[in-house]
Amino acid sequence: MAALFAAGQAVVGFCAGIAVSAGLFAFIATLGIITRLAQVTRTASAIHWYETCFIAGGIMGNLLWLYGVPVPAGAAGLLCTGLFCGIFTGCLTGAIAEILDAFPVFFRRINLKTGTAFVIAAMAVGRFLGVLARYFG
């Protein structure tokens, strides 16, 4: 009886994980992060490659996290992981801000006419310094 209950829990947990990850991927696809990256970088011909890498990264990241597989990559691996996670977070944040028109509304509220690129760059640098302070401070 206990084995049957454990098997049921495993099935429910697996299905819940699939539902959550499908929702996240659908949300990111709806935001248009991948298509926007292809437009900005003028590499629309490689959009299938972008999508494949995005899905493979999600699957591999989930498997590594779920099974707790240690990846002995040293400092270089940590640097690459931090870089790619930062790029993903930045793209997600930028896409959400662009979809919701957050920056234009914010700049209009504070009556900022020039220097918007500087403000956005300052926010990115501030986020980077905050991450460094969090992990090394």
Protein backbone atom coordinates (compact mmCIF):
# COMPACT_ATOMS: atom_id res chain seq x y z
CA MET A 1 0.00 0.00 0.00
CA ALA A 2 2.84 2.41 0.87
CA ALA A 3 4.56 1.66 -2.45
CA LEU A 4 1.36 2.46 -4.33
CA PHE A 5 1.00 5.73 -2.43
CA ALA A 6 4.63 6.66 -3.18
CA ALA A 7 4.14 5.85 -6.87
CA GLY A 8 1.04 8.05 -6.93
CA GLN A 9 2.97 10.90 -5.35
CA ALA A 10 5.73 10.49 -7.92
CA VAL A 11 3.24 10.65 -10.79
CA VAL A 12 1.50 13.71 -9.34
CA GLY A 13 4.83 15.45 -8.75
CA PHE A 14 6.01 14.66 -12.27
CA CYS A 15 2.78 15.95 -13.80
CA ALA A 16 2.90 19.10 -11.68
CA GLY A 17 6.47 19.75 -12.79
CA ILE A 18 5.50 19.35 -16.43
CA ALA A 19 2.58 21.75 -15.97
CA VAL A 20 4.71 24.39 -14.28
CA SER A 21 7.52 24.20 -16.82
CA ALA A 22 5.06 24.27 -19.72
CA GLY A 23 3.49 27.37 -18.20
CA LEU A 24 6.86 29.07 -17.84
CA PHE A 25 7.88 28.25 -21.41
CA ALA A 26 4.49 29.44 -22.68
CA PHE A 27 4.87 32.68 -20.72
CA ILE A 28 8.33 33.30 -22.15
CA ALA A 29 7.13 32.44 -25.66
CA THR A 30 4.18 34.81 -25.24
CA LEU A 31 6.52 37.61 -24.20
CA GLY A 32 8.39 37.05 -27.44
CA ILE A 33 11.87 36.98 -25.95
CA ILE A 34 13.26 34.62 -28.58
CA THR A 35 11.74 36.42 -31.54
CA ARG A 36 12.79 39.79 -30.13
CA LEU A 37 16.38 38.58 -29.70
CA ALA A 38 16.35 37.39 -33.31
CA GLN A 39 15.04 40.77 -34.46
CA VAL A 40 17.52 42.82 -32.44
CA THR A 41 20.52 40.75 -33.50
CA ARG A 42 19.26 40.47 -37.10
CA THR A 43 19.55 36.68 -37.01
CA ALA A 44 15.97 35.70 -37.77
CA SER A 45 17.22 32.86 -39.96
CA ALA A 46 18.57 31.13 -36.82
CA ILE A 47 15.35 31.30 -34.80
CA HIS A 48 14.97 27.50 -34.78
CA TRP A 49 18.46 27.27 -33.30
CA TYR A 50 17.49 29.80 -30.60
CA GLU A 51 14.37 27.84 -29.75
CA THR A 52 16.23 24.53 -29.63
CA CYS A 53 18.92 25.95 -27.33
CA PHE A 54 16.28 27.53 -25.10
CA ILE A 55 14.39 24.27 -24.68
CA ALA A 56 17.56 22.18 -24.26
CA GLY A 57 18.87 24.60 -21.64
CA GLY A 58 15.62 24.41 -19.70
CA ILE A 59 15.57 20.63 -19.78
CA MET A 60 19.23 20.23 -18.85
CA GLY A 61 19.01 22.82 -16.08
CA ASN A 62 15.97 21.09 -14.59
CA LEU A 63 17.60 17.67 -14.74
CA LEU A 64 20.80 18.92 -13.12
CA TRP A 65 18.82 20.67 -10.37
CA LEU A 66 16.37 17.80 -9.84
CA TYR A 67 18.99 15.08 -9.51
CA GLY A 68 21.63 17.27 -7.84
CA VAL A 69 24.31 16.35 -10.33
CA PRO A 70 27.59 18.05 -9.40
CA VAL A 71 29.28 19.69 -12.35
CA PRO A 72 33.02 19.93 -11.65
CA ALA A 73 33.80 22.94 -13.80
CA GLY A 74 35.72 25.10 -11.34
CA ALA A 75 35.81 28.86 -11.48
CA ALA A 76 35.41 28.96 -15.26
CA GLY A 77 32.21 26.93 -15.04
CA LEU A 78 30.88 29.19 -12.31
CA LEU A 79 31.71 32.23 -14.42
CA CYS A 80 29.96 30.79 -17.49
CA THR A 81 26.93 29.76 -15.46
CA GLY A 82 26.66 33.20 -13.90
CA LEU A 83 27.03 34.85 -17.29
CA PHE A 84 24.33 32.74 -18.94
CA CYS A 85 21.93 33.07 -16.00
CA GLY A 86 22.50 36.82 -16.04
CA ILE A 87 21.81 37.01 -19.76
CA PHE A 88 18.61 35.02 -19.32
CA THR A 89 17.45 37.17 -16.41
CA GLY A 90 18.29 40.35 -18.29
CA CYS A 91 16.44 39.22 -21.40
CA LEU A 92 13.40 38.20 -19.37
CA THR A 93 13.36 41.48 -17.44
CA GLY A 94 13.86 43.51 -20.62
CA ALA A 95 11.10 41.66 -22.42
CA ILE A 96 8.65 42.14 -19.58
CA ALA A 97 9.54 45.81 -19.35
CA GLU A 98 9.19 46.22 -23.10
CA ILE A 99 5.85 44.41 -23.27
CA LEU A 100 4.42 46.39 -20.38
CA ASP A 101 6.01 49.66 -21.56
CA ALA A 102 7.46 50.07 -18.10
CA PHE A 103 10.42 52.25 -19.05
CA PRO A 104 8.50 54.85 -21.09
CA VAL A 105 5.91 55.21 -18.34
CA PHE A 106 8.62 55.51 -15.68
CA PHE A 107 10.59 58.07 -17.68
CA ARG A 108 7.43 60.09 -18.33
CA ARG A 109 6.57 60.04 -14.62
CA ILE A 110 9.96 61.40 -13.57
CA ASN A 111 9.94 63.86 -16.51
CA LEU A 112 13.14 62.48 -18.05
CA LYS A 113 13.64 63.63 -21.64
CA THR A 114 17.29 62.76 -22.35
CA GLY A 115 19.71 60.21 -20.96
CA THR A 116 17.40 57.19 -21.02
CA ALA A 117 20.22 54.96 -22.32
CA PHE A 118 22.37 56.07 -19.39
CA VAL A 119 19.61 55.25 -16.89
CA ILE A 120 19.09 51.77 -18.36
CA ALA A 121 22.85 51.13 -18.39
CA ALA A 122 23.08 52.33 -14.77
CA MET A 123 20.32 49.90 -13.77
CA ALA A 124 22.19 47.04 -15.47
CA VAL A 125 25.48 47.97 -13.76
CA GLY A 126 23.68 48.31 -10.43
CA ARG A 127 22.18 44.87 -10.82
CA PHE A 128 25.59 43.44 -11.67
CA LEU A 129 27.23 45.08 -8.65
CA GLY A 130 24.39 43.88 -6.44
CA VAL A 131 24.95 40.30 -7.58
CA LEU A 132 28.67 40.62 -6.93
CA ALA A 133 28.04 42.03 -3.46
CA ARG A 134 25.56 39.25 -2.74
CA TYR A 135 27.89 36.41 -3.68
CA PHE A 136 31.26 37.81 -2.66
CA GLY A 137 30.33 40.15 0.18
